[in-house]
Amino acid sequence: MMWEKVRLVDICRPKQWKTLSTNNLLDRGYPVYGANGKIGFYNKYTHESPTLIITCRGATCGSLHITDPKSYVNGNAMALDSIRKDVDIKFLYYYFSERGFQDIISGSAQPQITGEGLSKITIPLPPLPIQKRIAEILDTADALRRKDEALLKKYDELAQAIFIDMFGDPVKNEKGWEVKKLGEVCEKITDGTHFSPPNIPFGIPYITAKHLRKNQIDFYGNPTFISQKHHEEIFSRCKPMKGDVLYIKDGATTGISAVNQYDFEFSMLSSLALIKPNKNLLNSYYLSCFLNNEIVKKDLIRTYMAGAAIKRFTLDKINKFKIVIPPIELQNQFEKKWKKLQQNVEILKTKKSTNLFNSLLQKAFNGELIV
């Protein structure tokens, strides 16, 4: 299906507003929208009606939000003002969710999107009734996806509740468990390659921080591969095996941990640490849940990352992490409970609501979605 293509700047007027410092924010008033959505309140508003905003600089550059009516758009976001009456704002939101902005983001140290960059974008524009129908279908799929994500979050909270019930506060250690340095209870702690080998269409799996979620490694959601030669060079010093713990040690998602469930060989980037516990002293599932605990994360950052501008743990610091060591029999009991809980998580994931949403999103703007 061929739709008219129009320039973005012909259907709206991208505009930035004055940046409010955190000192200017109030406890009540009109909502203020910035890089991460609502960030506070102010006594003035920039927009009478809902508008689509794009984060235009920083780590979340390119993220999207639709504001409330009567809201203030902060200076690190670009508002798409004066949207034409024949354009549906939700249609625009979903279109840019699929398209992204990688081709117009400039700057490496401080990524940014400029008005000039936005002026280069053209978008497909079907008739307004079709726009609204596409947005309606995607709203329904997105609601299902969010519901399943919320349920997955509840399972994660339940896992942490079981952890706290069995072992107590992992920082206060009220139960008086033995405390060791992580390096003392592991057979090896290393990391992946410190150079980025070129990706190829097919080859040896290559896992980076983007594949890790809390207690989960998802290689197949966004698979990447490297050559056999590069893999052999990396694998000679860093050999992840099933049951090892992978830990994000630098970048925006530093502090996330997961147990490797894969039987196949793969290589890793240096943003990941590979932790091989001594199984007589430390259970991988206990360790991963310990590292993912929010209390522990904050304590590790405060203790080992003081004053650091960039989130990063060195291997030396990871070896020195203080970890509570309950009896291994109790740790193994926790693994059994965690795996039982994980069975429900896997059943939920088979619903594939996220895959359905992403598939519909792609089809919608290829003109393949029947509306």
Protein backbone atom coordinates (compact mmCIF):
# COMPACT_ATOMS: atom_id res chain seq x y z
CA MET A 1 0.00 0.00 0.00
CA MET A 2 1.51 3.32 -1.07
CA TRP A 3 0.81 6.35 1.08
CA GLU A 4 1.75 9.95 0.48
CA LYS A 5 5.09 10.89 2.00
CA VAL A 6 5.41 14.29 3.65
CA ARG A 7 8.19 16.15 5.40
CA LEU A 8 7.84 16.22 9.18
CA VAL A 9 8.33 20.00 9.24
CA ASP A 10 5.41 20.39 6.81
CA ILE A 11 2.95 18.84 9.27
CA CYS A 12 4.27 20.32 12.55
CA ARG A 13 6.71 22.83 14.00
CA PRO A 14 9.49 21.32 16.18
CA LYS A 15 10.31 23.71 19.01
CA GLN A 16 12.30 23.81 22.26
CA TRP A 17 11.45 25.79 25.36
CA LYS A 18 13.36 27.28 28.28
CA THR A 19 15.14 24.71 30.47
CA LEU A 20 13.96 24.66 34.08
CA SER A 21 16.51 23.71 36.72
CA THR A 22 15.48 21.30 39.46
CA ASN A 23 15.43 24.27 41.84
CA ASN A 24 12.56 25.77 39.81
CA LEU A 25 10.35 22.68 40.09
CA LEU A 26 7.39 22.74 42.47
CA ASP A 27 5.42 20.16 44.43
CA ARG A 28 2.22 21.04 42.58
CA GLY A 29 1.10 22.91 39.49
CA TYR A 30 1.30 22.00 35.81
CA PRO A 31 3.27 18.83 34.98
CA VAL A 32 6.78 19.34 33.56
CA TYR A 33 7.98 16.87 30.91
CA GLY A 34 11.66 16.22 30.29
CA ALA A 35 13.93 13.43 29.06
CA ASN A 36 12.33 10.82 31.32
CA GLY A 37 8.69 11.84 31.12
CA LYS A 38 7.13 13.75 34.02
CA ILE A 39 9.84 15.26 36.22
CA GLY A 40 7.88 17.65 38.44
CA PHE A 41 5.54 20.63 38.37
CA TYR A 42 5.67 24.34 37.51
CA ASN A 43 3.34 27.35 37.74
CA LYS A 44 3.24 27.90 33.97
CA TYR A 45 2.57 25.67 30.97
CA THR A 46 3.88 25.75 27.41
CA HIS A 47 1.10 23.68 25.80
CA GLU A 48 -2.67 23.87 26.13
CA SER A 49 -3.23 20.50 24.42
CA PRO A 50 -1.32 17.17 24.50
CA THR A 51 1.80 17.24 22.34
CA LEU A 52 4.41 14.71 21.23
CA ILE A 53 7.90 15.36 22.61
CA ILE A 54 11.25 13.86 21.62
CA THR A 55 14.20 13.83 24.01
CA CYS A 56 16.82 15.73 22.06
CA ARG A 57 20.00 15.21 24.07
CA GLY A 58 21.62 12.94 26.61
CA ALA A 59 21.57 9.20 27.30
CA THR A 60 17.83 8.86 26.50
CA CYS A 61 18.09 10.85 23.25
CA GLY A 62 15.25 9.83 20.93
CA SER A 63 12.79 8.68 23.61
CA LEU A 64 9.17 9.72 23.09
CA HIS A 65 6.36 10.96 25.33
CA ILE A 66 2.88 12.37 24.82
CA THR A 67 2.24 15.13 27.36
CA ASP A 68 -0.85 15.85 29.41
CA PRO A 69 -2.96 18.88 28.50
CA LYS A 70 -1.60 22.10 30.04
CA SER A 71 1.97 20.92 30.58
CA TYR A 72 5.46 22.45 30.43
CA VAL A 73 8.01 20.95 28.00
CA ASN A 74 11.52 21.27 29.40
CA GLY A 75 14.49 22.32 27.27
CA ASN A 76 16.06 18.88 26.83
CA ALA A 77 13.00 17.81 24.83
CA MET A 78 11.72 18.95 21.43
CA ALA A 79 7.98 19.49 21.16
CA LEU A 80 6.22 18.87 17.86
CA ASP A 81 4.04 21.98 17.94
CA SER A 82 1.16 22.99 15.69
CA ILE A 83 0.48 19.47 14.41
CA ARG A 84 -1.82 19.62 11.37
CA LYS A 85 -5.45 18.66 11.89
CA ASP A 86 -5.15 15.77 9.42
CA VAL A 87 -2.40 14.12 11.52
CA ASP A 88 -3.15 11.91 14.54
CA ILE A 89 -0.68 12.40 17.41
CA LYS A 90 -0.80 8.70 18.44
CA PHE A 91 -0.05 7.70 14.84
CA LEU A 92 3.05 9.93 14.94
CA TYR A 93 4.09 8.47 18.29
CA TYR A 94 3.91 4.88 17.03
CA TYR A 95 5.55 5.77 13.73
CA PHE A 96 8.61 7.21 15.49
CA SER A 97 8.63 4.31 17.96
CA GLU A 98 9.18 2.04 14.95
CA ARG A 99 11.39 4.36 12.91
CA GLY A 100 13.76 5.63 15.61
CA PHE A 101 16.21 8.52 15.15
CA GLN A 102 19.59 6.83 14.76
CA ASP A 103 20.16 8.36 11.34
CA ILE A 104 19.86 11.93 12.65
CA ILE A 105 21.45 11.65 16.11
CA SER A 106 24.75 13.53 16.17
CA GLY A 107 27.55 13.73 18.74
CA SER A 108 29.21 10.82 20.54
CA ALA A 109 29.99 12.17 24.03
CA GLN A 110 26.61 13.98 24.15
CA PRO A 111 24.11 12.52 21.65
CA GLN A 112 21.65 15.09 20.36
CA ILE A 113 18.81 15.61 17.90
CA THR A 114 18.56 19.03 16.28
CA GLY A 115 15.80 20.85 14.44
CA GLU A 116 17.93 20.56 11.32
CA GLY A 117 18.02 16.79 11.74
CA LEU A 118 14.26 16.59 12.14
CA SER A 119 13.83 18.67 8.98
CA LYS A 120 15.34 15.77 6.98
CA ILE A 121 12.65 13.29 8.05
CA THR A 122 9.78 12.28 5.79
CA ILE A 123 6.87 10.17 7.01
CA PRO A 124 4.13 8.13 5.30
CA LEU A 125 0.76 9.81 5.80
CA PRO A 126 -2.37 7.74 5.13
CA PRO A 127 -5.81 9.38 5.41
CA LEU A 128 -6.75 10.41 8.96
CA PRO A 129 -9.31 7.59 9.53
CA ILE A 130 -6.60 5.01 8.69
CA GLN A 131 -4.13 6.77 11.00
CA LYS A 132 -6.65 6.57 13.84
CA ARG A 133 -7.41 2.90 13.14
CA ILE A 134 -3.69 2.00 13.13
CA ALA A 135 -3.22 3.86 16.43
CA GLU A 136 -6.25 2.07 17.91
CA ILE A 137 -4.91 -1.39 16.96
CA LEU A 138 -1.45 -0.57 18.32
CA ASP A 139 -2.99 0.87 21.52
CA THR A 140 -4.71 -2.46 22.15
CA ALA A 141 -1.54 -4.48 21.50
CA ASP A 142 0.54 -2.07 23.61
CA ALA A 143 -1.89 -2.35 26.54
CA LEU A 144 -1.52 -6.15 26.46
CA ARG A 145 2.27 -5.84 26.31
CA ARG A 146 2.33 -3.43 29.27
CA LYS A 147 0.03 -5.68 31.29
CA ASP A 148 2.35 -8.66 30.77
CA GLU A 149 5.40 -6.54 31.58
CA ALA A 150 3.75 -5.42 34.84
CA LEU A 151 3.07 -9.06 35.72
CA LEU A 152 6.69 -9.98 34.98
CA LYS A 153 7.75 -7.16 37.32
CA LYS A 154 5.51 -8.64 40.04
CA TYR A 155 7.25 -12.01 39.63
CA ASP A 156 10.60 -10.27 40.03
CA GLU A 157 9.35 -8.55 43.19
CA LEU A 158 8.14 -11.93 44.50
CA ALA A 159 11.57 -13.47 43.84
CA GLN A 160 13.19 -10.63 45.83
CA ALA A 161 10.63 -11.08 48.62
CA ILE A 162 11.51 -14.79 48.85
CA PHE A 163 15.20 -13.81 48.88
CA ILE A 164 14.68 -11.35 51.77
CA ASP A 165 12.55 -13.86 53.69
CA MET A 166 15.24 -16.54 53.47
CA PHE A 167 18.37 -14.43 53.89
CA GLY A 168 17.31 -11.10 55.43
CA ASP A 169 18.49 -7.65 54.37
CA PRO A 170 21.60 -8.36 52.23
CA VAL A 171 23.39 -5.21 53.44
CA LYS A 172 22.40 -5.07 57.12
CA ASN A 173 22.88 -8.87 57.43
CA GLU A 174 20.69 -9.16 60.54
CA LYS A 175 21.02 -12.96 60.46
CA GLY A 176 24.76 -12.71 60.96
CA TRP A 177 25.84 -14.73 57.94
CA GLU A 178 29.55 -14.92 57.10
CA VAL A 179 30.76 -12.09 54.83
CA LYS A 180 33.44 -12.68 52.18
CA LYS A 181 34.97 -10.84 49.27
CA LEU A 182 33.45 -12.06 46.02
CA GLY A 183 36.88 -13.04 44.69
CA GLU A 184 37.34 -15.38 47.69
CA VAL A 185 34.28 -17.47 46.82
CA CYS A 186 34.71 -17.60 43.03
CA GLU A 187 36.90 -19.73 40.81
CA LYS A 188 37.29 -16.93 38.28
CA ILE A 189 36.16 -13.37 37.60
CA THR A 190 37.03 -11.94 34.19
CA ASP A 191 35.42 -9.96 31.37
CA GLY A 192 34.89 -10.08 27.62
CA THR A 193 36.85 -8.53 24.80
CA HIS A 194 38.09 -4.93 25.07
CA PHE A 195 37.81 -4.37 21.33
CA SER A 196 34.59 -4.56 19.32
CA PRO A 197 34.86 -7.24 16.61
CA PRO A 198 32.82 -6.55 13.47
CA ASN A 199 29.38 -8.10 13.41
CA ILE A 200 28.52 -10.52 10.60
CA PRO A 201 25.11 -11.89 9.47
CA PHE A 202 25.85 -15.44 10.65
CA GLY A 203 28.60 -16.88 12.82
CA ILE A 204 29.38 -17.32 16.52
CA PRO A 205 26.90 -15.71 18.97
CA TYR A 206 28.20 -12.50 20.55
CA ILE A 207 26.56 -11.29 23.77
CA THR A 208 26.74 -7.72 25.10
CA ALA A 209 24.99 -5.67 27.79
CA LYS A 210 21.98 -5.14 25.50
CA HIS A 211 21.12 -8.85 25.84
CA LEU A 212 20.90 -8.79 29.66
CA ARG A 213 17.81 -8.13 31.74
CA LYS A 214 17.35 -8.81 35.44
CA ASN A 215 17.81 -12.57 35.88
CA GLN A 216 17.54 -13.12 32.12
CA ILE A 217 19.78 -13.30 29.07
CA ASP A 218 17.85 -12.82 25.82
CA PHE A 219 20.18 -13.42 22.90
CA TYR A 220 17.49 -14.29 20.35
CA GLY A 221 15.55 -11.04 20.73
CA ASN A 222 18.38 -9.16 19.00
CA PRO A 223 21.05 -11.68 17.92
CA THR A 224 24.55 -10.59 16.93
CA PHE A 225 27.35 -12.73 15.52
CA ILE A 226 31.12 -12.56 15.02
CA SER A 227 33.60 -14.65 13.05
CA GLN A 228 35.07 -17.95 14.27
CA LYS A 229 38.53 -16.34 14.31
CA HIS A 230 37.49 -13.46 16.57
CA HIS A 231 35.52 -15.86 18.78
CA GLU A 232 38.54 -18.12 19.33
CA GLU A 233 40.66 -15.12 20.38
CA ILE A 234 38.06 -13.98 22.91
CA PHE A 235 37.04 -17.44 24.14
CA SER A 236 40.63 -18.39 24.92
CA ARG A 237 40.55 -16.09 27.98
CA CYS A 238 36.82 -15.77 28.68
CA LYS A 239 34.82 -19.01 28.51
CA PRO A 240 31.22 -18.57 29.64
CA MET A 241 29.55 -21.86 30.54
CA LYS A 242 26.00 -22.76 31.52
CA GLY A 243 25.44 -21.79 35.16
CA ASP A 244 27.99 -18.96 35.19
CA VAL A 245 26.86 -15.46 36.18
CA LEU A 246 27.04 -12.55 33.72
CA TYR A 247 27.16 -9.07 35.24
CA ILE A 248 26.98 -5.67 33.52
CA LYS A 249 29.97 -3.77 34.85
CA ASP A 250 29.84 -0.53 32.87
CA GLY A 251 27.35 1.63 31.01
CA ALA A 252 23.85 2.90 31.69
CA THR A 253 22.61 -0.52 32.90
CA THR A 254 25.54 -1.28 35.22
CA GLY A 255 24.63 -3.66 38.04
CA ILE A 256 22.28 -6.05 36.21
CA SER A 257 23.03 -9.75 36.62
CA ALA A 258 21.77 -13.04 35.13
CA VAL A 259 22.67 -16.73 35.20
CA ASN A 260 23.70 -18.12 31.81
CA GLN A 261 21.13 -20.70 30.65
CA TYR A 262 22.67 -21.32 27.22
CA ASP A 263 24.52 -24.52 26.31
CA PHE A 264 26.17 -23.06 23.20
CA GLU A 265 29.50 -21.23 23.03
CA PHE A 266 29.44 -17.45 22.76
CA SER A 267 31.78 -14.49 23.11
CA MET A 268 31.28 -11.45 25.34
CA LEU A 269 32.08 -7.74 25.24
CA SER A 270 34.10 -6.16 28.08
CA SER A 271 31.01 -4.37 29.42
CA LEU A 272 30.13 -7.79 30.86
CA ALA A 273 31.93 -9.52 33.70
CA LEU A 274 31.98 -13.32 33.77
CA ILE A 275 31.71 -14.72 37.31
CA LYS A 276 32.32 -18.41 37.99
CA PRO A 277 31.27 -19.17 41.60
CA ASN A 278 32.88 -21.90 43.69
CA LYS A 279 29.79 -24.14 43.82
CA ASN A 280 30.75 -25.51 47.24
CA LEU A 281 30.41 -22.01 48.70
CA LEU A 282 28.27 -19.89 46.39
CA ASN A 283 25.16 -20.69 44.34
CA SER A 284 24.87 -18.84 41.01
CA TYR A 285 21.15 -18.08 41.46
CA TYR A 286 21.72 -16.74 44.96
CA LEU A 287 24.59 -14.58 43.67
CA SER A 288 22.59 -13.20 40.75
CA CYS A 289 19.62 -12.31 42.95
CA PHE A 290 22.00 -10.76 45.51
CA LEU A 291 23.60 -8.53 42.85
CA ASN A 292 20.19 -7.57 41.40
CA ASN A 293 18.84 -6.51 44.79
CA GLU A 294 18.26 -2.74 44.73
CA ILE A 295 19.66 -2.28 48.26
CA VAL A 296 22.85 -4.08 47.23
CA LYS A 297 23.15 -2.08 43.98
CA LYS A 298 22.98 1.24 45.81
CA ASP A 299 25.49 0.05 48.40
CA LEU A 300 27.96 -1.18 45.76
CA ILE A 301 27.71 2.08 43.81
CA ARG A 302 28.20 4.13 46.97
CA THR A 303 31.16 2.00 48.15
CA TYR A 304 33.01 1.29 44.91
CA MET A 305 31.99 4.06 42.54
CA ALA A 306 32.21 7.19 44.70
CA GLY A 307 32.80 10.33 42.62
CA ALA A 308 32.76 8.47 39.31
CA ALA A 309 31.20 10.42 36.45
CA ILE A 310 30.70 7.24 34.39
CA LYS A 311 29.07 4.09 35.76
CA ARG A 312 31.81 1.47 35.74
CA PHE A 313 33.10 -1.32 37.97
CA THR A 314 36.62 -2.61 37.32
CA LEU A 315 37.40 -6.31 37.75
CA ASP A 316 39.53 -5.38 40.77
CA LYS A 317 36.53 -3.69 42.42
CA ILE A 318 34.21 -6.62 41.59
CA ASN A 319 36.66 -9.02 43.25
CA LYS A 320 36.45 -6.87 46.39
CA PHE A 321 32.62 -6.78 46.54
CA LYS A 322 31.50 -7.83 50.03
CA ILE A 323 28.93 -10.62 49.80
CA VAL A 324 26.91 -12.33 52.51
CA ILE A 325 27.47 -16.12 52.42
CA PRO A 326 24.62 -18.15 53.98
CA PRO A 327 25.03 -21.95 54.21
CA ILE A 328 25.21 -23.44 50.72
CA GLU A 329 22.30 -25.78 51.52
CA LEU A 330 20.06 -22.74 52.07
CA GLN A 331 21.32 -21.11 48.88
CA ASN A 332 20.49 -24.30 46.96
CA GLN A 333 16.97 -24.27 48.43
CA PHE A 334 16.56 -20.74 47.12
CA GLU A 335 17.57 -21.92 43.62
CA LYS A 336 14.77 -24.51 43.67
CA LYS A 337 12.19 -21.90 44.71
CA TRP A 338 13.47 -19.43 42.13
CA LYS A 339 13.25 -22.01 39.32
CA LYS A 340 9.70 -22.95 40.32
CA LEU A 341 8.74 -19.29 40.13
CA GLN A 342 10.53 -18.99 36.80
CA GLN A 343 8.31 -21.68 35.29
CA ASN A 344 5.37 -19.27 35.62
CA VAL A 345 7.48 -16.51 34.05
CA GLU A 346 8.28 -18.72 31.06
CA ILE A 347 4.59 -19.56 30.60
CA LEU A 348 3.81 -15.84 30.59
CA LYS A 349 6.56 -15.18 28.03
CA THR A 350 5.09 -17.73 25.63
CA LYS A 351 2.15 -15.34 25.19
CA LYS A 352 4.57 -13.27 23.11
CA SER A 353 2.62 -10.02 23.61
CA THR A 354 5.82 -8.02 23.06
CA ASN A 355 6.55 -9.86 19.80
CA LEU A 356 2.95 -9.31 18.69
CA PHE A 357 3.20 -5.58 19.39
CA ASN A 358 6.55 -5.25 17.58
CA SER A 359 5.23 -7.24 14.60
CA LEU A 360 2.12 -5.06 14.33
CA LEU A 361 4.25 -1.94 14.70
CA GLN A 362 6.44 -2.98 11.78
CA LYS A 363 3.53 -4.06 9.59
CA ALA A 364 1.60 -0.85 10.27
CA PHE A 365 4.21 1.39 8.67
CA ASN A 366 5.02 -1.00 5.84
CA GLY A 367 1.38 -0.72 4.79
CA GLU A 368 0.81 -4.42 5.61
CA LEU A 369 -1.61 -3.98 8.50
CA ILE A 370 -5.21 -4.58 7.43
CA VAL A 371 -7.27 -1.77 8.90
